[in-house]
Protein backbone atom coordinates (compact mmCIF):
# COMPACT_ATOMS: atom_id res chain seq x y z
CA UNK A 1 -4.28 -20.60 4.10
CA UNK A 2 -8.16 -20.19 3.86
CA UNK A 3 -8.43 -22.91 6.42
CA UNK A 4 -6.04 -21.32 8.84
CA UNK A 5 -7.76 -18.06 8.76
CA UNK A 6 -11.10 -19.69 9.32
CA UNK A 7 -9.75 -21.43 12.37
CA UNK A 8 -8.36 -18.17 13.65
CA UNK A 9 -11.55 -16.16 12.77
CA UNK A 10 -13.72 -18.85 14.31
CA UNK A 11 -11.62 -18.08 17.63
CA UNK A 12 -12.21 -14.38 17.31
CA UNK A 13 -15.90 -15.01 17.75
CA UNK A 14 -15.09 -17.06 20.88
CA UNK A 15 -12.97 -14.26 22.56
CA UNK A 16 -15.44 -11.65 21.90
CA UNK A 17 -17.46 -13.40 24.90
CA UNK A 18 -14.27 -12.58 26.81
CA UNK A 19 -14.44 -8.90 26.02
CA UNK A 20 -11.65 -9.17 23.46
CA UNK A 21 -12.78 -6.97 20.38
CA UNK A 22 -11.85 -7.60 16.53
CA UNK A 23 -8.92 -4.98 16.78
CA UNK A 24 -7.68 -6.39 19.97
CA UNK A 25 -7.69 -9.92 18.86
CA UNK A 26 -5.45 -8.75 15.66
CA UNK A 27 -3.01 -7.30 17.86
CA UNK A 28 -2.52 -10.28 20.02
CA UNK A 29 -2.33 -12.60 17.34
CA UNK A 30 0.49 -10.73 15.71
CA UNK A 31 2.54 -11.12 19.16
CA UNK A 32 1.99 -14.74 19.38
CA UNK A 33 2.66 -15.48 15.80
CA UNK A 34 5.80 -13.37 16.03
CA UNK A 35 6.98 -15.70 19.16
CA UNK A 36 6.22 -18.87 17.46
CA UNK A 37 7.90 -18.02 14.20
CA UNK A 38 10.90 -16.58 16.03
CA UNK A 39 10.98 -19.76 17.89
CA UNK A 40 10.90 -21.87 14.47
CA UNK A 41 13.77 -19.86 13.02
CA UNK A 42 16.15 -20.05 16.14
CA UNK A 43 15.90 -16.39 16.62
CA UNK A 44 17.29 -15.54 20.02
CA UNK A 45 14.94 -13.61 22.43
CA UNK A 46 15.69 -12.46 26.06
CA UNK A 47 15.65 -15.39 28.53
CA UNK A 48 12.16 -16.22 29.55
CA UNK A 49 10.48 -14.48 26.71
CA UNK A 50 10.23 -17.15 24.14
CA UNK A 51 7.35 -19.49 22.79
CA UNK A 52 8.33 -22.54 25.06
CA UNK A 53 7.98 -20.28 28.08
CA UNK A 54 4.34 -19.60 27.15
CA UNK A 55 3.18 -23.13 25.73
CA UNK A 56 4.68 -24.81 28.86
CA UNK A 57 2.57 -22.73 31.23
CA UNK A 58 -1.34 -22.83 31.92
CA UNK A 59 -3.75 -21.12 34.36
CA UNK A 60 -2.99 -18.22 36.20
CA UNK A 61 0.60 -18.81 35.97
CA UNK A 62 0.35 -18.42 32.19
CA UNK A 63 -1.54 -15.08 32.31
CA UNK A 64 0.78 -13.56 34.48
CA UNK A 65 3.81 -14.66 32.50
CA UNK A 66 2.27 -13.47 29.31
CA UNK A 67 1.89 -9.98 30.79
CA UNK A 68 5.56 -10.13 32.26
CA UNK A 69 6.81 -11.12 28.64
CA UNK A 70 5.43 -8.30 26.94
CA UNK A 71 6.67 -6.01 29.45
CA UNK A 72 10.16 -7.22 29.31
CA UNK A 73 10.32 -7.26 25.55
CA UNK A 74 8.75 -3.56 25.29
CA UNK A 75 11.74 -2.66 27.80
CA UNK A 76 14.40 -4.08 25.11
CA UNK A 77 16.60 -1.71 23.03
CA UNK A 78 16.35 -1.36 19.37
CA UNK A 79 13.86 -3.09 17.13
CA UNK A 80 12.56 -5.50 19.24
CA UNK A 81 11.71 -2.97 21.95
CA UNK A 82 9.97 -0.78 19.36
CA UNK A 83 7.98 -3.64 18.14
CA UNK A 84 6.65 -4.42 21.47
CA UNK A 85 6.56 -0.80 23.04
CA UNK A 86 3.40 -0.54 24.86
CA UNK A 87 2.38 -4.08 24.42
CA UNK A 88 -0.28 -5.35 26.77
CA UNK A 89 -2.41 -8.51 27.18
CA UNK A 90 -5.87 -8.29 26.49
CA UNK A 91 -6.77 -11.69 27.70
CA UNK A 92 -9.22 -11.84 30.71
CA UNK A 93 -9.37 -15.73 31.17
CA UNK A 94 -6.06 -17.63 30.63
CA UNK A 95 -8.25 -20.54 29.14
CA UNK A 96 -8.76 -18.63 26.04
CA UNK A 97 -4.94 -17.90 25.91
CA UNK A 98 -4.14 -21.51 26.41
CA UNK A 99 -6.65 -22.47 23.53
CA UNK A 100 -5.25 -19.72 21.11
CA UNK A 101 -1.47 -20.83 21.79
CA UNK A 102 -2.73 -24.38 21.16
CA UNK A 103 -3.94 -23.61 17.66
CA UNK A 104 -0.93 -21.61 16.72
CA UNK A 105 1.35 -24.15 18.09
CA UNK A 106 -0.20 -26.76 16.06
CA UNK A 107 1.05 -25.15 12.48
CA UNK A 108 4.44 -24.80 11.45
CA UNK A 109 3.96 -21.45 10.32
CA UNK A 110 7.57 -20.79 8.75
CA UNK A 111 6.86 -23.81 6.38
CA UNK A 112 4.22 -22.34 4.46
CA UNK A 113 5.58 -20.67 1.41
CA UNK A 114 3.81 -17.39 1.97
CA UNK A 115 4.24 -14.18 4.00
CA UNK A 116 1.95 -16.09 6.76
CA UNK A 117 1.46 -13.48 9.26
CA UNK A 118 0.56 -10.74 6.64
CA UNK A 119 -1.43 -13.28 4.92
CA UNK A 120 -3.51 -14.31 8.13
CA UNK A 121 -3.78 -10.50 9.13
CA UNK A 122 -5.36 -9.64 5.80
CA UNK A 123 -7.44 -12.61 5.80
CA UNK A 124 -8.86 -11.57 9.02
CA UNK A 125 -9.13 -8.09 7.57
CA UNK A 126 -11.15 -9.67 4.54
CA UNK A 127 -13.29 -11.53 6.94
CA UNK A 128 -14.08 -8.07 8.76
CA UNK A 129 -14.72 -6.31 5.46
CA UNK A 130 -17.28 -8.89 4.59
CA UNK A 131 -19.08 -8.36 7.88
CA UNK A 132 -19.28 -4.79 7.26
CA UNK A 133 -16.43 -3.53 9.22
CA UNK A 134 -15.36 0.01 8.04
CA UNK A 135 -11.66 0.77 7.23
CA UNK A 136 -10.44 -2.94 7.17
CA UNK A 137 -8.89 -2.64 3.76
CA UNK A 138 -6.76 0.60 4.82
CA UNK A 139 -3.64 -1.05 4.99
CA UNK A 140 -4.14 -3.75 2.15
CA UNK A 141 -2.66 -4.20 -1.30
CA UNK A 142 -3.04 -7.35 -3.01
CA UNK A 143 0.30 -9.34 -3.09
CA UNK A 144 -0.40 -10.30 -6.67
CA UNK A 145 -0.33 -6.65 -7.70
CA UNK A 146 2.69 -5.87 -5.32
CA UNK A 147 4.76 -8.57 -7.11
CA UNK A 148 4.05 -7.48 -10.28
CA UNK A 149 5.19 -3.81 -9.56
CA UNK A 150 8.27 -5.14 -7.90
CA UNK A 151 9.11 -7.49 -10.87
CA UNK A 152 8.66 -4.12 -13.05
CA UNK A 153 10.85 -1.56 -10.50
CA UNK A 154 13.51 -3.86 -9.55
CA UNK A 155 14.48 -2.47 -5.96
CA UNK A 156 18.03 -3.96 -6.06
CA UNK A 157 20.27 -2.97 -3.39
CA UNK A 158 23.31 -4.43 -5.34
CA UNK A 159 22.89 -1.24 -7.70
CA UNK A 160 25.10 1.01 -5.37
CA UNK A 161 26.46 1.11 -1.88
CA UNK A 162 23.88 3.86 -0.60
CA UNK A 163 20.75 2.19 -2.19
CA UNK A 164 17.55 2.67 -0.21
CA UNK A 165 13.71 2.16 -0.67
CA UNK A 166 11.04 3.50 0.82
CA UNK A 167 7.04 2.96 1.36
CA UNK A 168 5.71 6.25 3.06
CA UNK A 169 2.22 4.48 3.66
CA UNK A 170 3.62 0.88 4.20
CA UNK A 171 0.46 -0.68 6.19
CA UNK A 172 1.35 -3.90 6.74
CA UNK A 173 4.78 -3.87 4.93
CA UNK A 174 3.91 -5.62 1.73
CA UNK A 175 6.13 -3.49 -0.72
CA UNK A 176 8.89 -3.79 1.58
CA UNK A 177 8.90 -7.62 2.46
CA UNK A 178 8.21 -8.39 -1.37
CA UNK A 179 11.27 -6.23 -2.49
CA UNK A 180 13.37 -8.10 -0.03
CA UNK A 181 12.03 -11.65 -1.51
CA UNK A 182 12.58 -10.44 -4.79
CA UNK A 183 16.17 -9.79 -4.06
CA UNK A 184 16.57 -13.38 -2.59
CA UNK A 185 14.88 -14.83 -5.69
CA UNK A 186 17.26 -13.12 -7.95
CA UNK A 187 20.51 -14.31 -6.01
CA UNK A 188 18.65 -17.71 -5.92
CA UNK A 189 18.89 -17.77 -2.06
CA UNK A 190 22.66 -17.89 -2.10
CA UNK A 191 24.60 -16.46 0.79
CA UNK A 192 24.78 -12.64 0.18
CA UNK A 193 28.26 -10.74 0.39
CA UNK A 194 29.04 -9.56 3.90
CA UNK A 195 28.78 -5.79 3.16
CA UNK A 196 25.43 -6.18 1.13
CA UNK A 197 23.91 -8.40 3.96
CA UNK A 198 25.11 -5.61 6.59
CA UNK A 199 23.43 -2.92 4.38
CA UNK A 200 20.19 -4.93 3.94
CA UNK A 201 19.66 -5.78 7.53
CA UNK A 202 19.68 -2.05 8.82
CA UNK A 203 20.37 0.54 5.84
CA UNK A 204 18.06 -0.20 3.00
CA UNK A 205 14.47 -0.57 3.72
CA UNK A 206 12.41 2.50 5.09
CA UNK A 207 8.94 3.24 5.64
CA UNK A 208 6.40 5.26 7.67
CA UNK A 209 2.95 4.40 8.77
CA UNK A 210 0.47 6.47 10.89
CA UNK A 211 -1.53 3.39 12.64
CA UNK A 212 0.27 1.53 15.17
CA UNK A 213 -0.84 -2.14 14.58
CA UNK A 214 0.03 -2.48 10.94
CA UNK A 215 3.36 -0.83 11.89
CA UNK A 216 4.20 -3.24 14.33
CA UNK A 217 3.24 -6.03 11.54
CA UNK A 218 5.83 -4.41 9.17
CA UNK A 219 8.53 -4.29 11.86
CA UNK A 220 7.75 -7.85 12.75
CA UNK A 221 7.67 -9.53 9.34
CA UNK A 222 11.11 -7.73 8.17
CA UNK A 223 12.64 -8.88 11.61
CA UNK A 224 11.70 -12.39 11.06
CA UNK A 225 13.60 -12.01 7.75
CA UNK A 226 16.62 -10.86 9.42
CA UNK A 227 16.24 -7.14 8.66
CA UNK A 228 15.85 -4.24 10.96
CA UNK A 229 14.00 -1.65 8.93
CA UNK A 230 13.41 2.21 9.77
CA UNK A 231 9.53 2.43 10.07
CA UNK A 232 8.57 5.85 11.29
CA UNK A 233 5.27 6.25 13.28
CA UNK A 234 3.42 9.40 12.08
CA UNK A 235 1.76 11.14 9.17
CA UNK A 236 3.92 11.31 6.00
CA UNK A 237 1.61 14.14 4.85
CA UNK A 238 1.24 16.70 7.48
CA UNK A 239 4.84 16.07 8.96
CA UNK A 240 7.88 18.01 7.46
CA UNK A 241 10.03 14.88 6.27
CA UNK A 242 13.44 14.39 7.09
CA UNK A 243 16.41 14.97 4.91
CA UNK A 244 16.46 11.15 3.80
CA UNK A 245 15.94 10.48 0.25
CA UNK A 246 15.53 7.07 -1.73
CA UNK A 247 16.32 5.48 -4.87
CA UNK A 248 12.98 3.51 -5.15
CA UNK A 249 9.59 4.70 -3.68
CA UNK A 250 6.77 1.96 -3.92
CA UNK A 251 3.36 2.85 -2.25
CA UNK A 252 -0.27 2.68 -1.97
CA UNK A 253 -1.62 5.58 -0.17
CA UNK A 254 -4.94 5.16 1.78
CA UNK A 255 -7.98 5.78 -0.40
CA UNK A 256 -10.63 8.30 0.70
CA UNK A 257 -10.73 11.55 2.32
CA UNK A 258 -10.58 11.21 5.80
CA UNK A 259 -8.44 13.20 7.63
CA UNK A 260 -8.00 15.26 4.58
CA UNK A 261 -10.15 18.28 5.25
CA UNK A 262 -7.27 21.05 5.22
CA UNK A 263 -4.11 21.15 3.02
CA UNK A 264 -0.80 20.48 4.74
CA UNK A 265 1.44 23.67 5.33
CA UNK A 266 4.69 22.28 3.69
CA UNK A 267 6.98 24.28 1.39
CA UNK A 268 7.89 21.63 -0.78
CA UNK A 269 4.41 21.21 -2.02
CA UNK A 270 3.89 23.54 -4.88
CA UNK A 271 0.11 22.78 -5.26
CA UNK A 272 -1.74 23.40 -2.12
CA UNK A 273 -4.66 20.95 -1.80
CA UNK A 274 -6.48 18.70 0.66
CA UNK A 275 -6.69 15.67 -1.53
CA UNK A 276 -4.59 13.20 0.07
CA UNK A 277 -3.52 11.22 -3.00
CA UNK A 278 -2.40 14.28 -4.79
CA UNK A 279 -0.49 15.23 -1.99
CA UNK A 280 1.24 11.88 -1.45
CA UNK A 281 2.43 12.15 -5.10
CA UNK A 282 4.09 15.68 -4.01
CA UNK A 283 5.52 13.90 -1.05
CA UNK A 284 6.80 10.97 -3.15
CA UNK A 285 8.56 13.57 -5.59
CA UNK A 286 10.16 15.24 -2.64
CA UNK A 287 11.64 11.99 -0.99
CA UNK A 288 13.11 10.78 -4.10
CA UNK A 289 16.77 11.12 -4.83
CA UNK A 290 17.48 12.46 -8.06
CA UNK A 291 17.03 9.87 -10.73
CA UNK A 292 15.03 7.81 -8.23
CA UNK A 293 12.03 5.90 -9.61
CA UNK A 294 8.79 5.62 -8.03
CA UNK A 295 5.71 3.67 -8.53
CA UNK A 296 2.25 4.94 -6.95
CA UNK A 297 -1.21 3.48 -6.59
CA UNK A 298 -3.72 6.15 -6.91
CA UNK A 299 -7.74 6.06 -7.45
CA UNK A 300 -9.01 7.57 -10.62
CA UNK A 301 -10.48 10.74 -8.77
CA UNK A 302 -6.61 11.53 -8.18
CA UNK A 303 -6.32 11.88 -12.16
CA UNK A 304 -9.09 14.12 -12.79
CA UNK A 305 -9.70 15.92 -9.57
CA UNK A 306 -9.96 19.69 -9.65
CA UNK A 307 -6.01 20.22 -8.91
CA UNK A 308 -4.88 17.11 -10.69
CA UNK A 309 -3.76 18.82 -13.90
CA UNK A 310 -1.70 21.19 -11.91
CA UNK A 311 0.01 18.46 -9.97
CA UNK A 312 0.53 16.30 -12.99
CA UNK A 313 1.78 19.34 -15.13
CA UNK A 314 4.64 19.62 -12.35
CA UNK A 315 5.26 15.79 -12.55
CA UNK A 316 5.82 15.72 -16.26
CA UNK A 317 8.26 19.05 -15.97
CA UNK A 318 10.42 17.69 -13.07
CA UNK A 319 9.96 13.85 -13.78
CA UNK A 320 9.58 11.45 -16.52
CA UNK A 321 6.12 10.32 -16.12
CA UNK A 322 6.47 7.36 -18.28
CA UNK A 323 3.84 4.59 -17.58
CA UNK A 324 0.27 4.65 -16.34
CA UNK A 325 -1.33 1.24 -15.50
CA UNK A 326 -5.22 1.13 -15.47
CA UNK A 327 -6.03 -1.67 -13.02
CA UNK A 328 -9.15 -4.08 -13.48
CA UNK A 329 -12.04 -3.09 -11.95
CA UNK A 330 -12.52 -4.86 -8.34
CA UNK A 331 -8.61 -5.18 -7.73
CA UNK A 332 -9.29 -4.13 -4.10
CA UNK A 333 -12.01 -6.45 -3.51
CA UNK A 334 -13.42 -6.99 -1.07
CA UNK A 335 -12.10 -4.09 0.83
CA UNK A 336 -13.01 -1.36 -1.91
CA UNK A 337 -14.78 -3.30 -4.64
CA UNK A 338 -15.94 -0.24 -6.33
CA UNK A 339 -12.98 1.89 -6.19
CA UNK A 340 -11.14 2.32 -9.78
CA UNK A 341 -7.47 2.57 -9.29
CA UNK A 342 -4.33 3.05 -11.57
CA UNK A 343 -0.48 2.85 -10.90
CA UNK A 344 1.86 5.84 -12.02
CA UNK A 345 5.42 5.23 -12.62
CA UNK A 346 7.81 8.17 -12.82
CA UNK A 347 11.68 8.88 -12.54
CA UNK A 348 12.73 12.11 -10.90
CA UNK A 349 15.03 14.50 -12.60
CA UNK A 350 14.01 14.13 -16.54
CA UNK A 351 11.13 15.86 -18.31
CA UNK A 352 8.41 13.59 -19.98
CA UNK A 353 8.35 13.30 -23.46
CA UNK A 354 6.15 10.28 -23.89
CA UNK A 355 3.76 8.70 -21.65
CA UNK A 356 2.55 4.79 -22.16
CA UNK A 357 -0.80 3.93 -20.80
CA UNK A 358 -1.72 0.17 -20.34
CA UNK A 359 -5.51 -0.46 -20.03
CA UNK A 360 -6.15 -3.60 -17.77
CA UNK A 361 -9.56 -2.67 -17.24
CA UNK A 362 -12.03 -2.19 -20.40
CA UNK A 363 -13.63 -5.32 -21.08
CA UNK A 364 -12.03 -7.16 -18.35
CA UNK A 365 -14.54 -8.90 -16.22
CA UNK A 366 -14.93 -7.43 -12.81
CA UNK A 367 -12.78 -8.97 -10.09
CA UNK A 368 -14.71 -11.07 -7.65
CA UNK A 369 -13.36 -12.94 -4.54
CA UNK A 370 -14.48 -16.45 -5.70
CA UNK A 371 -15.43 -16.74 -9.15
CA UNK A 372 -13.22 -14.16 -10.91
CA UNK A 373 -10.17 -13.79 -8.34
CA UNK A 374 -7.07 -11.37 -9.31
CA UNK A 375 -4.16 -13.72 -10.75
CA UNK A 376 -0.76 -12.88 -12.10
CA UNK A 377 -2.01 -13.47 -15.68
CA UNK A 378 -4.06 -10.00 -15.23
CA UNK A 379 -0.51 -8.22 -15.42
CA UNK A 380 1.48 -10.70 -17.44
CA UNK A 381 1.39 -8.71 -20.66
CA UNK A 382 1.76 -5.49 -19.19
CA UNK A 383 5.00 -6.74 -17.44
CA UNK A 384 6.06 -7.90 -20.88
CA UNK A 385 4.88 -4.33 -22.41
CA UNK A 386 6.69 -2.51 -19.54
CA UNK A 387 9.99 -4.12 -20.30
CA UNK A 388 13.13 -4.95 -18.63
CA UNK A 389 14.38 -1.57 -17.52
CA UNK A 390 12.91 -0.26 -14.19
CA UNK A 391 13.01 3.03 -15.26
CA UNK A 392 10.80 2.80 -18.43
CA UNK A 393 13.52 3.11 -20.95
CA UNK A 394 13.05 -0.25 -22.50
CA UNK A 395 12.20 -0.04 -26.29
CA UNK A 396 8.26 -0.44 -26.42
CA UNK A 397 5.83 -1.32 -28.91
CA UNK A 398 2.14 -0.93 -29.06
CA UNK A 399 1.84 -4.26 -31.05
CA UNK A 400 3.07 -6.12 -27.85
CA UNK A 401 -0.58 -5.90 -26.69
CA UNK A 402 -2.83 -8.42 -28.58
CA UNK A 403 -5.73 -6.51 -27.65
CA UNK A 404 -4.64 -3.01 -28.10
CA UNK A 405 -4.21 -2.29 -24.44
CA UNK A 406 -0.73 -0.51 -25.01
CA UNK A 407 -0.35 3.09 -26.19
CA UNK A 408 1.58 5.82 -26.09
CA UNK A 409 0.89 9.74 -25.76
CA UNK A 410 3.06 12.47 -26.69
CA UNK A 411 3.55 15.59 -23.83
CA UNK A 412 1.53 17.71 -26.69
CA UNK A 413 -1.34 15.58 -26.43
CA UNK A 414 -1.18 15.40 -22.42
CA UNK A 415 -1.05 19.13 -22.43
CA UNK A 416 -4.09 19.41 -24.90
CA UNK A 417 -5.96 17.44 -22.24
CA UNK A 418 -4.84 19.92 -19.32
CA UNK A 419 -2.85 17.24 -17.77
CA UNK A 420 -6.08 15.13 -16.95
CA UNK A 421 -4.50 11.85 -17.39
CA UNK A 422 -7.84 10.10 -16.94
CA UNK A 423 -8.89 11.21 -20.34
CA UNK A 424 -6.21 9.07 -22.10
CA UNK A 425 -8.64 6.23 -23.22
CA UNK A 426 -9.38 4.63 -26.62
CA UNK A 427 -10.84 1.32 -25.60
CA UNK A 428 -14.56 1.14 -25.98
CA UNK A 429 -15.92 -0.85 -22.82
CA UNK A 430 -18.28 -3.18 -24.49
CA UNK A 431 -19.72 -4.21 -21.18
CA UNK A 432 -21.17 -0.50 -20.99
CA UNK A 433 -23.64 -1.91 -24.00
CA UNK A 434 -24.46 -5.01 -22.35
CA UNK A 435 -27.64 -4.73 -20.11
CA UNK A 436 -26.28 -7.97 -18.34
CA UNK A 437 -22.82 -6.33 -17.33
CA UNK A 438 -24.10 -3.14 -15.77
CA UNK A 439 -21.86 -1.86 -13.01
CA UNK A 440 -22.35 -3.23 -9.49
CA UNK A 441 -24.29 -0.88 -7.21
CA UNK A 442 -21.20 -0.03 -4.68
CA UNK A 443 -19.19 0.80 -8.20
CA UNK A 444 -21.78 3.24 -9.52
CA UNK A 445 -21.82 4.92 -5.88
CA UNK A 446 -18.06 5.08 -6.04
CA UNK A 447 -18.05 6.81 -9.14
CA UNK A 448 -20.79 9.21 -8.08
CA UNK A 449 -18.88 9.81 -4.74
CA UNK A 450 -15.73 10.48 -6.53
CA UNK A 451 -17.32 12.99 -8.88
CA UNK A 452 -19.09 14.83 -6.05
CA UNK A 453 -15.89 14.95 -4.30
CA UNK A 454 -14.24 16.58 -7.06
CA UNK A 455 -16.83 19.06 -7.51
CA UNK A 456 -16.61 20.04 -3.61
CA UNK A 457 -12.73 20.68 -4.08
CA UNK A 458 -13.49 22.77 -7.22
CA UNK A 459 -16.17 24.75 -5.00
CA UNK A 460 -13.60 25.09 -2.28
CA UNK A 461 -10.96 26.48 -4.45
CA UNK A 462 -13.60 29.14 -5.59
CA UNK A 463 -14.62 30.03 -2.00
CA UNK A 464 -10.89 30.43 -0.96
CA UNK A 465 -10.34 32.86 -3.89
CA UNK A 466 -13.28 34.66 -2.84
CA UNK A 467 -12.38 35.01 0.77
CA UNK A 468 -8.78 35.90 -0.08
CA UNK A 469 -10.22 38.64 -1.97
CA UNK A 470 -8.28 37.57 -5.33
CA UNK A 471 -9.39 39.77 -7.88
CA UNK A 472 -10.09 37.15 -10.56
CA UNK A 473 -11.76 38.27 -13.73
CA UNK A 474 -15.56 37.55 -14.54
CA UNK A 475 -14.57 35.13 -17.29
CA UNK A 476 -12.41 33.02 -15.02
CA UNK A 477 -14.88 32.63 -12.21
CA UNK A 478 -17.68 32.01 -14.83
CA UNK A 479 -15.59 29.31 -16.37
CA UNK A 480 -15.06 27.67 -12.86
CA UNK A 481 -18.48 28.02 -11.94
CA UNK A 482 -19.36 26.02 -15.37
CA UNK A 483 -17.08 23.72 -14.46
CA UNK A 484 -18.44 22.76 -11.17
CA UNK A 485 -22.04 22.75 -12.46
CA UNK A 486 -20.87 20.54 -15.29
């Protein structure tokens, strides 16, 4: 796959001389890969809009036909029209288009045993990130992590006839695609019952994405799997959600604070905050069915920010927050190498009595792209500790971790920590005492930024209290001030 990405990336450099930038190239690549893979899988497309109609042309005839093909596909009804809505050619030179067609045509994409278009897309994003392009990783979740979480969550549509799952920040669709592939593995690739196949096709997989390009990729990926998912285009946090509720939600909300300068106005959000990740957690609680289960990737600052305790107090009262997985440092390398992240697992409608925490971070070497890449072994013990029950109800034993990485905490212990989940630590990180293992500069900077952001949020809360004329007593204000200054 790395060789393929290298070829595609090298051609991107060539196209820049033709005025096609990185983003446009990615978009055109998704269109052409879709057409090639549809041809390989004998998926019927409108007459004159298939792969052979492109590769058999050249010169201006090719360029004109490609423009017309995109326009016709965008006019189709249903999912196909949704995928190509507003699609336009960015090629100014038909010679470059012909070269890219040849590069794609030389590879049998569906024969490669991976989610090839997502892998190519993310490989190019990785290249862009290494060249310093901002925001390249906002759609990315490592497939190794996704598959581990899917195996724990077991999103099985055979559970009942109304089963649905959703990713409200779906990016390139990794959780949705992997959930379907997990089902196919569970059924050993056999023929599915007719009623189940029908439900899977159009009534099982849902999502939402704020950016059009990755949304297109999600639609394409699932369409090539024979599915027609419902992927809304819009902002999951600032828009009022529909009445649709889901059995399983798996998501990795975007990191950072971009676009999170004000608290959304939503009656279903008990805690008003501008913290994007805390709002996503509240959103997930809303869209889950009673008894539904969720796995949400969140950065460390989501566990210790000013209002984190308030949000997690509500979670423990309204949900069974049964598991937290502390991810290894560098899990999101190379996109956000310094961002420390976790996965929280909870079930709606049951109060929390015990919370199990698995520390996959302390004394684990920092993940790097080449020397120490993320592997399934990083999560193998956690999966064993998590157990076979997707709701986190399996019999658990702290002795299942050889290095004491698996501990349980009572709800009283959580309360005593003011619901700040980040404080549930017990392993001493020996690397902090090793001068040769000091944190990387970007990791130190990320930690500093997270603490500053938490302080800013606390200051914002105090300012809001003062502006609203809240008659807070002197002790409360002094405590808040001391918290910020600390």
